[in-house]
PDB file of N, CA and C in Angstrom:
ATOM      1  N   UNK A   1       4.137  -4.905  16.995  1.00  0.00           N
ATOM      2  CA  UNK A   1       4.435  -5.028  18.016  1.00  0.00           C
ATOM      3  C   UNK A   1       3.883  -6.258  18.762  1.00  0.00           C
ATOM      4  N   UNK A   2       4.795  -7.233  18.390  1.00  0.00           N
ATOM      5  CA  UNK A   2       4.456  -8.990  18.908  1.00  0.00           C
ATOM      6  C   UNK A   2       5.631  -9.249  19.447  1.00  0.00           C
ATOM      7  N   UNK A   3       5.515 -10.262  20.405  1.00  0.00           N
ATOM      8  CA  UNK A   3       6.581 -10.632  21.184  1.00  0.00           C
ATOM      9  C   UNK A   3       7.462 -11.658  20.536  1.00  0.00           C
ATOM     10  N   UNK A   4       6.989 -12.296  19.556  1.00  0.00           N
ATOM     11  CA  UNK A   4       7.694 -13.225  18.669  1.00  0.00           C
ATOM     12  C   UNK A   4       7.340 -13.285  17.009  1.00  0.00           C
ATOM     13  N   UNK A   5       7.987 -13.551  16.402  1.00  0.00           N
ATOM     14  CA  UNK A   5       7.790 -13.402  14.912  1.00  0.00           C
ATOM     15  C   UNK A   5       6.810 -14.271  14.502  1.00  0.00           C
ATOM     16  N   UNK A   6       6.449 -14.268  13.159  1.00  0.00           N
ATOM     17  CA  UNK A   6       5.272 -15.073  12.683  1.00  0.00           C
ATOM     18  C   UNK A   6       5.686 -16.611  12.445  1.00  0.00           C
ATOM     19  N   UNK A   7       7.130 -16.645  12.266  1.00  0.00           N
ATOM     20  CA  UNK A   7       7.799 -17.700  11.781  1.00  0.00           C
ATOM     21  C   UNK A   7       7.690 -18.441  13.376  1.00  0.00           C
ATOM     22  N   UNK A   8       8.149 -17.847  14.289  1.00  0.00           N
ATOM     23  CA  UNK A   8       8.233 -18.319  15.735  1.00  0.00           C
ATOM     24  C   UNK A   8       6.618 -19.001  16.295  1.00  0.00           C
ATOM     25  N   UNK A   9       5.907 -17.970  15.797  1.00  0.00           N
ATOM     26  CA  UNK A   9       4.514 -18.444  15.986  1.00  0.00           C
ATOM     27  C   UNK A   9       3.728 -19.436  15.153  1.00  0.00           C
ATOM     28  N   UNK A  10       4.023 -19.578  14.010  1.00  0.00           N
ATOM     29  CA  UNK A  10       3.629 -20.309  13.174  1.00  0.00           C
ATOM     30  C   UNK A  10       4.390 -21.717  12.831  1.00  0.00           C
ATOM     31  N   UNK A  11       5.550 -21.632  13.222  1.00  0.00           N
ATOM     32  CA  UNK A  11       6.478 -22.645  12.654  1.00  0.00           C
ATOM     33  C   UNK A  11       6.192 -22.685  11.005  1.00  0.00           C
ATOM     34  N   UNK A  12       5.887 -23.778  10.277  1.00  0.00           N
ATOM     35  CA  UNK A  12       5.941 -24.047   8.986  1.00  0.00           C
ATOM     36  C   UNK A  12       4.380 -23.815   8.695  1.00  0.00           C
ATOM     37  N   UNK A  13       3.697 -23.479   9.399  1.00  0.00           N
ATOM     38  CA  UNK A  13       2.102 -23.520   9.313  1.00  0.00           C
ATOM     39  C   UNK A  13       2.070 -22.168   8.526  1.00  0.00           C
ATOM     40  N   UNK A  14       1.502 -22.038   7.441  1.00  0.00           N
ATOM     41  CA  UNK A  14       1.433 -20.692   6.377  1.00  0.00           C
ATOM     42  C   UNK A  14       0.002 -19.941   6.563  1.00  0.00           C
ATOM     43  N   UNK A  15      -0.645 -20.800   7.309  1.00  0.00           N
ATOM     44  CA  UNK A  15      -2.035 -20.254   7.474  1.00  0.00           C
ATOM     45  C   UNK A  15      -2.254 -20.316   9.123  1.00  0.00           C
ATOM     46  N   UNK A  16      -1.317 -19.579   9.675  1.00  0.00           N
ATOM     47  CA  UNK A  16      -1.323 -18.815  10.958  1.00  0.00           C
ATOM     48  C   UNK A  16      -2.809 -18.397  11.230  1.00  0.00           C
ATOM     49  N   UNK A  17      -3.185 -18.762  12.662  1.00  0.00           N
ATOM     50  CA  UNK A  17      -4.743 -18.014  13.114  1.00  0.00           C
ATOM     51  C   UNK A  17      -4.456 -17.328  14.247  1.00  0.00           C
ATOM     52  N   UNK A  18      -3.314 -16.849  14.613  1.00  0.00           N
ATOM     53  CA  UNK A  18      -3.123 -16.232  15.832  1.00  0.00           C
ATOM     54  C   UNK A  18      -3.662 -14.789  15.456  1.00  0.00           C
ATOM     55  N   UNK A  19      -3.657 -14.087  16.753  1.00  0.00           N
ATOM     56  CA  UNK A  19      -4.667 -12.836  16.806  1.00  0.00           C
ATOM     57  C   UNK A  19      -3.917 -11.708  15.909  1.00  0.00           C
ATOM     58  N   UNK A  20      -2.474 -11.985  16.007  1.00  0.00           N
ATOM     59  CA  UNK A  20      -1.824 -11.155  15.035  1.00  0.00           C
ATOM     60  C   UNK A  20      -2.170 -11.229  13.634  1.00  0.00           C
ATOM     61  N   UNK A  21      -2.832 -12.295  13.105  1.00  0.00           N
ATOM     62  CA  UNK A  21      -3.692 -12.003  11.730  1.00  0.00           C
ATOM     63  C   UNK A  21      -4.941 -11.705  11.620  1.00  0.00           C
ATOM     64  N   UNK A  22      -5.520 -11.259  12.831  1.00  0.00           N
ATOM     65  CA  UNK A  22      -7.035 -10.711  12.846  1.00  0.00           C
ATOM     66  C   UNK A  22      -8.095 -11.658  13.539  1.00  0.00           C
ATOM     67  N   UNK A  23      -7.460 -12.611  14.138  1.00  0.00           N
ATOM     68  CA  UNK A  23      -8.539 -13.640  14.620  1.00  0.00           C
ATOM     69  C   UNK A  23      -8.174 -13.620  16.268  1.00  0.00           C
ATOM     70  N   UNK A  24      -9.235 -12.642  16.890  1.00  0.00           N
ATOM     71  CA  UNK A  24      -8.946 -12.372  18.007  1.00  0.00           C
ATOM     72  C   UNK A  24      -9.759 -13.537  18.884  1.00  0.00           C
ATOM     73  N   UNK A  25      -9.391 -14.169  20.115  1.00  0.00           N
ATOM     74  CA  UNK A  25     -10.041 -15.204  20.703  1.00  0.00           C
ATOM     75  C   UNK A  25      -9.058 -16.501  20.650  1.00  0.00           C
ATOM     76  N   UNK A  26      -9.277 -17.372  20.112  1.00  0.00           N
ATOM     77  CA  UNK A  26      -8.364 -18.662  20.272  1.00  0.00           C
ATOM     78  C   UNK A  26      -8.075 -18.931  18.947  1.00  0.00           C
ATOM     79  N   UNK A  27      -6.952 -19.667  18.741  1.00  0.00           N
ATOM     80  CA  UNK A  27      -6.675 -20.075  17.200  1.00  0.00           C
ATOM     81  C   UNK A  27      -6.855 -21.378  17.321  1.00  0.00           C
ATOM     82  N   UNK A  28      -6.424 -22.051  16.103  1.00  0.00           N
ATOM     83  CA  UNK A  28      -6.892 -23.429  15.669  1.00  0.00           C
ATOM     84  C   UNK A  28      -6.764 -24.319  16.804  1.00  0.00           C
ATOM     85  N   UNK A  29      -5.566 -24.337  17.519  1.00  0.00           N
ATOM     86  CA  UNK A  29      -5.283 -25.343  18.416  1.00  0.00           C
ATOM     87  C   UNK A  29      -5.797 -24.986  19.966  1.00  0.00           C
ATOM     88  N   UNK A  30      -6.650 -24.231  20.198  1.00  0.00           N
ATOM     89  CA  UNK A  30      -7.474 -23.509  21.336  1.00  0.00           C
ATOM     90  C   UNK A  30      -6.873 -22.752  22.439  1.00  0.00           C
ATOM     91  N   UNK A  31      -5.547 -22.220  21.661  1.00  0.00           N
ATOM     92  CA  UNK A  31      -4.915 -21.290  22.590  1.00  0.00           C
ATOM     93  C   UNK A  31      -5.290 -20.023  22.608  1.00  0.00           C
ATOM     94  N   UNK A  32      -5.484 -19.668  23.855  1.00  0.00           N
ATOM     95  CA  UNK A  32      -6.000 -17.969  24.008  1.00  0.00           C
ATOM     96  C   UNK A  32      -5.063 -16.958  23.428  1.00  0.00           C
ATOM     97  N   UNK A  33      -5.570 -16.141  22.265  1.00  0.00           N
ATOM     98  CA  UNK A  33      -4.944 -15.238  21.778  1.00  0.00           C
ATOM     99  C   UNK A  33      -4.759 -13.945  22.487  1.00  0.00           C
ATOM    100  N   UNK A  34      -5.228 -13.527  23.685  1.00  0.00           N
ATOM    101  CA  UNK A  34      -4.886 -12.622  24.178  1.00  0.00           C
ATOM    102  C   UNK A  34      -3.722 -12.793  24.897  1.00  0.00           C
ATOM    103  N   UNK A  35      -3.259 -13.723  25.433  1.00  0.00           N
ATOM    104  CA  UNK A  35      -1.755 -13.764  25.867  1.00  0.00           C
ATOM    105  C   UNK A  35      -1.009 -15.118  24.879  1.00  0.00           C
ATOM    106  N   UNK A  36      -0.951 -15.038  23.808  1.00  0.00           N
ATOM    107  CA  UNK A  36      -0.528 -15.974  22.778  1.00  0.00           C
ATOM    108  C   UNK A  36       1.023 -15.542  22.468  1.00  0.00           C
ATOM    109  N   UNK A  37       1.627 -16.297  21.533  1.00  0.00           N
ATOM    110  CA  UNK A  37       2.541 -16.075  20.637  1.00  0.00           C
ATOM    111  C   UNK A  37       2.531 -14.639  20.466  1.00  0.00           C
ATOM    112  N   UNK A  38       1.375 -13.806  20.145  1.00  0.00           N
ATOM    113  CA  UNK A  38       1.335 -12.356  19.573  1.00  0.00           C
ATOM    114  C   UNK A  38       1.454 -11.432  20.331  1.00  0.00           C
ATOM    115  N   UNK A  39       1.818 -11.854  21.689  1.00  0.00           N
ATOM    116  CA  UNK A  39       1.917 -11.095  22.806  1.00  0.00           C
ATOM    117  C   UNK A  39       0.162 -10.673  23.165  1.00  0.00           C
ATOM    118  N   UNK A  40       0.417  -9.440  24.154  1.00  0.00           N
ATOM    119  CA  UNK A  40      -0.983  -9.462  24.794  1.00  0.00           C
ATOM    120  C   UNK A  40      -1.688  -8.696  23.901  1.00  0.00           C
ATOM    121  N   UNK A  41      -3.260  -8.706  24.382  1.00  0.00           N
ATOM    122  CA  UNK A  41      -4.302  -8.173  23.729  1.00  0.00           C
ATOM    123  C   UNK A  41      -3.764  -6.546  23.510  1.00  0.00           C
ATOM    124  N   UNK A  42      -3.495  -6.096  24.484  1.00  0.00           N
ATOM    125  CA  UNK A  42      -2.863  -4.460  24.432  1.00  0.00           C
ATOM    126  C   UNK A  42      -1.823  -4.346  23.228  1.00  0.00           C
ATOM    127  N   UNK A  43      -1.209  -5.421  23.173  1.00  0.00           N
ATOM    128  CA  UNK A  43       0.192  -5.118  21.977  1.00  0.00           C
ATOM    129  C   UNK A  43      -0.658  -5.075  20.874  1.00  0.00           C
ATOM    130  N   UNK A  44      -1.455  -6.350  20.580  1.00  0.00           N
ATOM    131  CA  UNK A  44      -2.314  -6.321  19.328  1.00  0.00           C
ATOM    132  C   UNK A  44      -2.924  -4.848  19.241  1.00  0.00           C
ATOM    133  N   UNK A  45      -3.751  -4.473  20.336  1.00  0.00           N
ATOM    134  CA  UNK A  45      -4.388  -3.028  19.826  1.00  0.00           C
ATOM    135  C   UNK A  45      -3.483  -1.727  19.583  1.00  0.00           C
ATOM    136  N   UNK A  46      -2.312  -2.023  20.082  1.00  0.00           N
ATOM    137  CA  UNK A  46      -1.214  -1.014  20.207  1.00  0.00           C
ATOM    138  C   UNK A  46      -0.968  -0.856  18.434  1.00  0.00           C
ATOM    139  N   UNK A  47      -0.702  -2.263  18.036  1.00  0.00           N
ATOM    140  CA  UNK A  47      -0.323  -2.477  16.531  1.00  0.00           C
ATOM    141  C   UNK A  47      -1.204  -1.907  15.652  1.00  0.00           C
ATOM    142  N   UNK A  48      -2.353  -2.164  16.252  1.00  0.00           N
ATOM    143  CA  UNK A  48      -3.986  -1.634  15.125  1.00  0.00           C
ATOM    144  C   UNK A  48      -3.611  -0.142  15.128  1.00  0.00           C
ATOM    145  N   UNK A  49      -3.452   0.518  16.436  1.00  0.00           N
ATOM    146  CA  UNK A  49      -3.419   1.914  16.176  1.00  0.00           C
ATOM    147  C   UNK A  49      -1.997   2.760  15.851  1.00  0.00           C
ATOM    148  N   UNK A  50      -0.888   2.138  15.734  1.00  0.00           N
ATOM    149  CA  UNK A  50       0.105   2.249  15.085  1.00  0.00           C
ATOM    150  C   UNK A  50      -0.086   2.515  13.380  1.00  0.00           C
ATOM    151  N   UNK A  51      -0.754   1.110  12.998  1.00  0.00           N
ATOM    152  CA  UNK A  51      -1.040   1.161  11.726  1.00  0.00           C
ATOM    153  C   UNK A  51      -2.284   1.993  11.167  1.00  0.00           C
ATOM    154  N   UNK A  52      -2.960   2.354  12.307  1.00  0.00           N
ATOM    155  CA  UNK A  52      -4.219   3.504  11.749  1.00  0.00           C
ATOM    156  C   UNK A  52      -3.189   4.596  11.773  1.00  0.00           C
ATOM    157  N   UNK A  53      -2.562   5.103  12.731  1.00  0.00           N
ATOM    158  CA  UNK A  53      -1.622   6.435  12.300  1.00  0.00           C
ATOM    159  C   UNK A  53      -0.984   6.502  11.189  1.00  0.00           C
ATOM    160  N   UNK A  54      -0.222   5.473  10.651  1.00  0.00           N
ATOM    161  CA  UNK A  54       0.402   5.244   9.527  1.00  0.00           C
ATOM    162  C   UNK A  54      -0.605   5.681   8.508  1.00  0.00           C
ATOM    163  N   UNK A  55      -1.790   5.210   8.368  1.00  0.00           N
ATOM    164  CA  UNK A  55      -2.751   5.240   7.351  1.00  0.00           C
ATOM    165  C   UNK A  55      -3.261   6.632   7.300  1.00  0.00           C
ATOM    166  N   UNK A  56      -3.550   7.366   8.480  1.00  0.00           N
ATOM    167  CA  UNK A  56      -3.868   8.830   8.535  1.00  0.00           C
ATOM    168  C   UNK A  56      -2.793   9.902   8.115  1.00  0.00           C
ATOM    169  N   UNK A  57      -1.361   9.334   8.335  1.00  0.00           N
ATOM    170  CA  UNK A  57      -0.321   9.994   7.716  1.00  0.00           C
ATOM    171  C   UNK A  57      -0.547   9.909   6.037  1.00  0.00           C
ATOM    172  N   UNK A  58      -0.511   9.021   5.630  1.00  0.00           N
ATOM    173  CA  UNK A  58      -0.509   8.840   3.986  1.00  0.00           C
ATOM    174  C   UNK A  58      -1.955   9.502   3.646  1.00  0.00           C
ATOM    175  N   UNK A  59      -2.914   9.306   3.970  1.00  0.00           N
ATOM    176  CA  UNK A  59      -4.222  10.298   3.665  1.00  0.00           C
ATOM    177  C   UNK A  59      -3.969  11.817   3.850  1.00  0.00           C
ATOM    178  N   UNK A  60      -3.166  12.590   4.833  1.00  0.00           N
ATOM    179  CA  UNK A  60      -2.890  13.944   5.110  1.00  0.00           C
ATOM    180  C   UNK A  60      -1.787  14.215   3.590  1.00  0.00           C
ATOM    181  N   UNK A  61      -1.047  13.204   3.675  1.00  0.00           N
ATOM    182  CA  UNK A  61       0.242  13.466   2.591  1.00  0.00           C
ATOM    183  C   UNK A  61      -0.451  13.677   1.389  1.00  0.00           C
ATOM    184  N   UNK A  62      -1.376  12.679   1.043  1.00  0.00           N
ATOM    185  CA  UNK A  62      -2.254  12.705  -0.334  1.00  0.00           C
ATOM    186  C   UNK A  62      -3.279  14.381  -0.175  1.00  0.00           C
ATOM    187  N   UNK A  63      -3.688  14.936   0.546  1.00  0.00           N
ATOM    188  CA  UNK A  63      -3.986  15.974   0.783  1.00  0.00           C
ATOM    189  C   UNK A  63      -3.191  17.035   0.527  1.00  0.00           C
ATOM    190  N   UNK A  64      -2.022  17.162   1.007  1.00  0.00           N
ATOM    191  CA  UNK A  64      -1.151  18.138   0.904  1.00  0.00           C
ATOM    192  C   UNK A  64      -0.202  18.121  -0.719  1.00  0.00           C
ATOM    193  N   UNK A  65      -0.356  16.790  -1.062  1.00  0.00           N
ATOM    194  CA  UNK A  65       0.410  16.548  -2.411  1.00  0.00           C
ATOM    195  C   UNK A  65      -0.720  16.982  -3.464  1.00  0.00           C
ATOM    196  N   UNK A  66      -2.134  16.911  -3.218  1.00  0.00           N
ATOM    197  CA  UNK A  66      -2.837  17.265  -4.163  1.00  0.00           C
ATOM    198  C   UNK A  66      -2.846  18.538  -4.257  1.00  0.00           C
ATOM    199  N   UNK A  67      -2.943  19.527  -3.186  1.00  0.00           N
ATOM    200  CA  UNK A  67      -2.764  20.887  -3.376  1.00  0.00           C
ATOM    201  C   UNK A  67      -1.458  21.455  -4.040  1.00  0.00           C
ATOM    202  N   UNK A  68      -0.527  20.741  -3.947  1.00  0.00           N
ATOM    203  CA  UNK A  68       0.804  21.403  -4.127  1.00  0.00           C
ATOM    204  C   UNK A  68       0.934  21.206  -5.900  1.00  0.00           C
ATOM    205  N   UNK A  69       0.541  19.781  -6.075  1.00  0.00           N
ATOM    206  CA  UNK A  69       0.804  19.174  -7.429  1.00  0.00           C
ATOM    207  C   UNK A  69      -0.124  18.532  -7.956  1.00  0.00           C
ATOM    208  N   UNK A  70      -1.501  18.715  -7.612  1.00  0.00           N
ATOM    209  CA  UNK A  70      -2.661  18.306  -8.404  1.00  0.00           C
ATOM    210  C   UNK A  70      -2.811  18.590  -9.620  1.00  0.00           C
ATOM    211  N   UNK A  71      -2.708  19.846 -10.404  1.00  0.00           N
ATOM    212  CA  UNK A  71      -2.670  20.266 -11.598  1.00  0.00           C
ATOM    213  C   UNK A  71      -1.705  19.662 -12.446  1.00  0.00           C
ATOM    214  N   UNK A  72      -0.087  19.777 -11.960  1.00  0.00           N
ATOM    215  CA  UNK A  72       0.878  18.834 -12.491  1.00  0.00           C
ATOM    216  C   UNK A  72       0.355  17.615 -12.905  1.00  0.00           C
ATOM    217  N   UNK A  73       0.151  16.818 -11.374  1.00  0.00           N
ATOM    218  CA  UNK A  73      -0.290  15.140 -11.850  1.00  0.00           C
ATOM    219  C   UNK A  73      -1.644  15.013 -12.661  1.00  0.00           C
ATOM    220  N   UNK A  74      -2.616  16.111 -12.932  1.00  0.00           N
ATOM    221  CA  UNK A  74      -3.606  15.748 -13.712  1.00  0.00           C
ATOM    222  C   UNK A  74      -3.146  15.831 -14.961  1.00  0.00           C
ATOM    223  N   UNK A  75      -2.794  16.813 -15.439  1.00  0.00           N
ATOM    224  CA  UNK A  75      -1.669  17.130 -16.761  1.00  0.00           C
ATOM    225  C   UNK A  75      -0.961  15.501 -17.254  1.00  0.00           C
ATOM    226  N   UNK A  76      -0.223  15.316 -16.146  1.00  0.00           N
ATOM    227  CA  UNK A  76       0.473  13.874 -16.246  1.00  0.00           C
ATOM    228  C   UNK A  76      -0.210  12.798 -16.682  1.00  0.00           C
ATOM    229  N   UNK A  77      -1.170  12.650 -15.725  1.00  0.00           N
ATOM    230  CA  UNK A  77      -2.142  11.443 -15.802  1.00  0.00           C
ATOM    231  C   UNK A  77      -2.612  11.498 -17.196  1.00  0.00           C
ATOM    232  N   UNK A  78      -3.321  12.646 -17.662  1.00  0.00           N
ATOM    233  CA  UNK A  78      -3.748  12.873 -18.965  1.00  0.00           C
ATOM    234  C   UNK A  78      -2.801  12.041 -20.169  1.00  0.00           C
ATOM    235  N   UNK A  79      -1.558  12.660 -19.903  1.00  0.00           N
ATOM    236  CA  UNK A  79      -0.468  12.255 -21.000  1.00  0.00           C
ATOM    237  C   UNK A  79      -0.208  10.867 -21.054  1.00  0.00           C
ATOM    238  N   UNK A  80      -0.590  10.214 -19.637  1.00  0.00           N
ATOM    239  CA  UNK A  80      -0.025   8.691 -19.655  1.00  0.00           C
ATOM    240  C   UNK A  80      -1.202   7.771 -20.189  1.00  0.00           C
ATOM    241  N   UNK A  81      -2.559   8.393 -20.213  1.00  0.00           N
ATOM    242  CA  UNK A  81      -3.299   7.729 -20.432  1.00  0.00           C
ATOM    243  C   UNK A  81      -3.548   7.859 -22.087  1.00  0.00           C
ATOM    244  N   UNK A  82      -3.231   9.060 -22.503  1.00  0.00           N
ATOM    245  CA  UNK A  82      -3.157   9.050 -24.067  1.00  0.00           C
ATOM    246  C   UNK A  82      -1.886   7.976 -24.288  1.00  0.00           C
ATOM    247  N   UNK A  83      -0.581   8.035 -23.861  1.00  0.00           N
ATOM    248  CA  UNK A  83       0.249   7.085 -24.603  1.00  0.00           C
ATOM    249  C   UNK A  83      -0.216   5.705 -24.298  1.00  0.00           C
ATOM    250  N   UNK A  84      -0.814   5.366 -23.202  1.00  0.00           N
ATOM    251  CA  UNK A  84      -1.409   4.034 -23.192  1.00  0.00           C
ATOM    252  C   UNK A  84      -2.377   3.790 -24.296  1.00  0.00           C
ATOM    253  N   UNK A  85      -3.255   4.363 -24.664  1.00  0.00           N
ATOM    254  CA  UNK A  85      -4.331   4.283 -25.538  1.00  0.00           C
ATOM    255  C   UNK A  85      -3.293   3.785 -26.688  1.00  0.00           C
ATOM    256  N   UNK A  86      -2.559   4.593 -27.142  1.00  0.00           N
ATOM    257  CA  UNK A  86      -1.603   4.650 -28.332  1.00  0.00           C
ATOM    258  C   UNK A  86      -1.028   3.000 -28.256  1.00  0.00           C
ATOM    259  N   UNK A  87      -0.510   2.543 -27.177  1.00  0.00           N
ATOM    260  CA  UNK A  87       0.474   1.286 -27.297  1.00  0.00           C
ATOM    261  C   UNK A  87      -0.791   0.459 -27.354  1.00  0.00           C
ATOM    262  N   UNK A  88      -1.859   0.738 -26.684  1.00  0.00           N
ATOM    263  CA  UNK A  88      -2.722  -0.295 -26.712  1.00  0.00           C
ATOM    264  C   UNK A  88      -3.208  -0.894 -28.186  1.00  0.00           C
ATOM    265  N   UNK A  89      -3.100   0.271 -28.904  1.00  0.00           N
ATOM    266  CA  UNK A  89      -3.861   0.297 -30.163  1.00  0.00           C
ATOM    267  C   UNK A  89      -3.083  -0.259 -30.863  1.00  0.00           C
ATOM    268  N   UNK A  90      -1.568  -0.454 -30.649  1.00  0.00           N
ATOM    269  CA  UNK A  90      -0.726  -1.087 -31.542  1.00  0.00           C
ATOM    270  C   UNK A  90      -0.375   0.012 -32.470  1.00  0.00           C
ATOM    271  N   UNK A  91      -0.338   0.876 -32.441  1.00  0.00           N
ATOM    272  CA  UNK A  91      -0.228   2.141 -33.696  1.00  0.00           C
ATOM    273  C   UNK A  91       1.229   2.168 -33.755  1.00  0.00           C
ATOM    274  N   UNK A  92       2.071   2.122 -33.273  1.00  0.00           N
ATOM    275  CA  UNK A  92       3.531   2.176 -33.187  1.00  0.00           C
ATOM    276  C   UNK A  92       4.101   3.323 -33.946  1.00  0.00           C
ATOM    277  N   UNK A  93       2.998   4.444 -33.508  1.00  0.00           N
ATOM    278  CA  UNK A  93       3.413   5.679 -34.136  1.00  0.00           C
ATOM    279  C   UNK A  93       4.441   6.103 -33.544  1.00  0.00           C
ATOM    280  N   UNK A  94       5.785   6.359 -34.272  1.00  0.00           N
ATOM    281  CA  UNK A  94       6.821   6.722 -33.327  1.00  0.00           C
ATOM    282  C   UNK A  94       6.999   8.469 -33.296  1.00  0.00           C
ATOM    283  N   UNK A  95       6.467   8.894 -34.154  1.00  0.00           N
ATOM    284  CA  UNK A  95       6.426  10.232 -33.892  1.00  0.00           C
ATOM    285  C   UNK A  95       5.234  10.940 -32.981  1.00  0.00           C
ATOM    286  N   UNK A  96       4.217  10.381 -32.627  1.00  0.00           N
ATOM    287  CA  UNK A  96       3.181  10.500 -31.996  1.00  0.00           C
ATOM    288  C   UNK A  96       3.709  10.118 -30.397  1.00  0.00           C
ATOM    289  N   UNK A  97       4.632   9.127 -30.135  1.00  0.00           N
ATOM    290  CA  UNK A  97       5.098   8.388 -28.850  1.00  0.00           C
ATOM    291  C   UNK A  97       6.226   9.339 -28.429  1.00  0.00           C
ATOM    292  N   UNK A  98       7.054   9.841 -29.535  1.00  0.00           N
ATOM    293  CA  UNK A  98       8.113  10.728 -29.362  1.00  0.00           C
ATOM    294  C   UNK A  98       7.542  12.189 -28.946  1.00  0.00           C
ATOM    295  N   UNK A  99       6.399  12.964 -29.477  1.00  0.00           N
ATOM    296  CA  UNK A  99       5.906  13.925 -28.727  1.00  0.00           C
ATOM    297  C   UNK A  99       5.377  13.679 -27.470  1.00  0.00           C
ATOM    298  N   UNK A 100       4.529  12.635 -27.334  1.00  0.00           N
ATOM    299  CA  UNK A 100       4.106  12.336 -25.989  1.00  0.00           C
ATOM    300  C   UNK A 100       5.217  12.186 -24.792  1.00  0.00           C
ATOM    301  N   UNK A 101       6.292  11.577 -25.036  1.00  0.00           N
ATOM    302  CA  UNK A 101       7.583  11.466 -23.983  1.00  0.00           C
ATOM    303  C   UNK A 101       8.007  12.771 -24.054  1.00  0.00           C
ATOM    304  N   UNK A 102       8.015  13.548 -24.953  1.00  0.00           N
ATOM    305  CA  UNK A 102       8.813  15.107 -24.720  1.00  0.00           C
ATOM    306  C   UNK A 102       7.532  15.743 -23.891  1.00  0.00           C
ATOM    307  N   UNK A 103       6.385  15.376 -23.981  1.00  0.00           N
ATOM    308  CA  UNK A 103       5.641  16.361 -23.300  1.00  0.00           C
ATOM    309  C   UNK A 103       5.397  15.835 -21.482  1.00  0.00           C
ATOM    310  N   UNK A 104       5.625  14.537 -21.474  1.00  0.00           N
ATOM    311  CA  UNK A 104       5.819  13.765 -20.068  1.00  0.00           C
ATOM    312  C   UNK A 104       6.772  14.503 -19.414  1.00  0.00           C
ATOM    313  N   UNK A 105       8.065  14.307 -20.090  1.00  0.00           N
ATOM    314  CA  UNK A 105       9.473  14.688 -19.433  1.00  0.00           C
ATOM    315  C   UNK A 105       9.189  15.930 -19.265  1.00  0.00           C
ATOM    316  N   UNK A 106       8.552  16.933 -19.996  1.00  0.00           N
ATOM    317  CA  UNK A 106       8.269  18.670 -19.612  1.00  0.00           C
ATOM    318  C   UNK A 106       7.583  18.638 -18.348  1.00  0.00           C
ATOM    319  N   UNK A 107       6.496  17.979 -18.366  1.00  0.00           N
ATOM    320  CA  UNK A 107       5.348  17.942 -17.201  1.00  0.00           C
ATOM    321  C   UNK A 107       5.881  17.348 -15.987  1.00  0.00           C
ATOM    322  N   UNK A 108       6.967  16.628 -16.082  1.00  0.00           N
ATOM    323  CA  UNK A 108       7.719  15.885 -15.005  1.00  0.00           C
ATOM    324  C   UNK A 108       8.777  17.156 -14.030  1.00  0.00           C
ATOM    325  N   UNK A 109       9.066  18.188 -15.266  1.00  0.00           N
ATOM    326  CA  UNK A 109      10.385  19.058 -14.885  1.00  0.00           C
ATOM    327  C   UNK A 109       9.590  20.298 -14.310  1.00  0.00           C
ATOM    328  N   UNK A 110       8.215  20.570 -14.555  1.00  0.00           N
ATOM    329  CA  UNK A 110       7.697  21.777 -14.192  1.00  0.00           C
ATOM    330  C   UNK A 110       7.596  21.985 -12.370  1.00  0.00           C
TER     331      UNK A 110
END
């Protein structure tokens, strides 16, 4: 929730130090970040609150997904680790990989 884009704020400077990027106070040119190209300090805090809400939603989704699909995902993870180990060992065991691919597909269809 900033008043200008990072490009407007920073120009060609890819190392922008305005408050949008975590520096509260002054940027390298001495501009006050509470009312700079990043918007007001309140805008910065509102943006942080929005990000926190999004992170919280992701955490809540993880809990719900674990409850609903946890066993299936555990089984799938085990199969994927086994498949990775076979590939890392360069066994090229086509029969074993075909069987694992079948089991992975079955697990995804459960």
